[in-house]
Structure formats: structure tokens, C-alpha cells
């Protein structure tokens, strides 16, 4: 079973692999891809948590919301990614 921190870590790991920092954004709708289907519905809540923690920037567009990583929160980002990687 996945913990909240591991799920947040996987989201951030995915965004860092894709290079989604500052001005490079991706749609929130793409983030559940790669997770088990049974937790797809919960991913949006975790993304909202990361936005509240100011780890993710949100960019509203005409076609939906997009997110990127706030590089100034490096320590917290690495904390979550480490939690995810330690699971594997």
C-alpha cells in the first residue's frame, strides 16, 4: 500500500524526470498516468496538497490547469522523492 508521502514523491519524481520546472508545465490530467488505477481518483487531492505546500506552481490555461515544480522548495521535494524511491 502507498503512503501519502510516497504518492507525493512519485508525482514529484515524475515531474522532475520530465523537466517540469518553473516555466515548463504539464496538465494536471496527465499526473495519474503511471499510478495503479485504484488510486487515480486520489491523485488530484495530493496535487492540491502539493500546491498548498507551495511545492507546485499552478498555471491556469484556457484548456485546464497545468503545474510545474517550485525549485525553491528543493529540500521538501527531495524528502518526498526519497520516500518514494525508498519504497522501491
Protein backbone atom coordinates (compact mmCIF):
# COMPACT_ATOMS: atom_id res chain seq x y z
CA UNK A 1 0.00 0.00 0.00
CA UNK A 2 1.17 3.51 -0.80
CA UNK A 3 1.58 6.18 1.88
CA UNK A 4 0.67 9.81 1.25
CA UNK A 5 4.35 10.78 1.19
CA UNK A 6 5.21 8.04 -1.33
CA UNK A 7 2.44 9.17 -3.67
CA UNK A 8 3.55 12.80 -3.44
CA UNK A 9 7.11 11.59 -4.07
CA UNK A 10 6.08 9.70 -7.18
CA UNK A 11 4.25 12.76 -8.53
CA UNK A 12 7.34 14.93 -7.95
CA UNK A 13 9.68 12.25 -9.32
CA UNK A 14 7.62 12.09 -12.50
CA UNK A 15 7.65 15.87 -12.91
CA UNK A 16 11.42 16.10 -12.34
CA UNK A 17 12.10 13.34 -14.88
CA UNK A 18 10.01 15.29 -17.39
CA UNK A 19 11.87 18.52 -16.56
CA UNK A 20 8.74 20.39 -15.44
CA UNK A 21 10.42 23.25 -13.57
CA UNK A 22 9.24 26.87 -13.38
CA UNK A 23 8.14 27.77 -16.95
CA UNK A 24 7.72 24.21 -18.25
CA UNK A 25 4.25 22.94 -17.30
CA UNK A 26 2.19 19.79 -17.71
CA UNK A 27 -1.53 19.20 -17.36
CA UNK A 28 -2.87 18.00 -14.02
CA UNK A 29 -4.87 15.45 -16.03
CA UNK A 30 -1.61 13.69 -17.03
CA UNK A 31 -0.37 13.11 -13.48
CA UNK A 32 -2.38 9.96 -12.60
CA UNK A 33 -0.81 8.08 -15.52
CA UNK A 34 1.65 5.51 -14.18
CA UNK A 35 -0.16 5.01 -10.88
CA UNK A 36 -2.30 1.97 -10.05
CA UNK A 37 -5.84 2.53 -11.35
CA UNK A 38 -7.36 2.23 -7.88
CA UNK A 39 -5.70 5.46 -6.69
CA UNK A 40 -6.19 7.59 -9.83
CA UNK A 41 -9.08 9.44 -8.19
CA UNK A 42 -6.95 10.42 -5.20
CA UNK A 43 -4.08 11.93 -7.20
CA UNK A 44 -5.86 15.26 -7.68
CA UNK A 45 -6.09 15.66 -3.89
CA UNK A 46 -2.37 15.04 -3.49
CA UNK A 47 -1.62 17.58 -6.22
CA UNK A 48 -3.80 20.10 -4.34
CA UNK A 49 -1.79 19.36 -1.17
CA UNK A 50 1.49 19.99 -3.04
CA UNK A 51 0.09 23.28 -4.35
CA UNK A 52 -0.90 24.31 -0.79
CA UNK A 53 2.62 23.42 0.39
CA UNK A 54 3.90 25.70 -2.43
CA UNK A 55 5.91 22.84 -3.90
CA UNK A 56 3.96 23.05 -7.15
CA UNK A 57 3.08 26.16 -9.11
CA UNK A 58 -0.30 26.21 -10.81
CA UNK A 59 -0.87 27.86 -14.18
CA UNK A 60 -4.47 28.27 -15.30
CA UNK A 61 -4.89 27.99 -19.07
CA UNK A 62 -7.85 28.13 -21.40
CA UNK A 63 -7.74 24.33 -21.69
CA UNK A 64 -7.26 23.47 -18.00
CA UNK A 65 -4.83 23.74 -15.11
CA UNK A 66 -1.15 22.98 -15.50
CA UNK A 67 1.56 22.52 -12.88
CA UNK A 68 5.31 22.85 -12.53
CA UNK A 69 7.80 22.42 -9.69
CA UNK A 70 8.86 25.30 -7.44
CA UNK A 71 12.64 24.81 -7.31
CA UNK A 72 12.92 26.95 -4.18
CA UNK A 73 11.36 24.08 -2.16
CA UNK A 74 14.22 21.71 -3.01
CA UNK A 75 14.55 20.16 0.47
CA UNK A 76 10.88 19.21 0.72
CA UNK A 77 10.89 17.94 -2.88
CA UNK A 78 13.86 15.69 -2.17
CA UNK A 79 12.22 14.47 1.04
CA UNK A 80 9.14 13.26 -0.85
CA UNK A 81 11.14 11.80 -3.75
CA UNK A 82 13.37 9.91 -1.30
CA UNK A 83 10.29 8.45 0.41
CA UNK A 84 9.07 7.22 -2.97
CA UNK A 85 12.42 5.82 -4.07
CA UNK A 86 12.95 4.04 -0.73
CA UNK A 87 9.69 2.15 -1.35
CA UNK A 88 11.18 0.57 -4.45
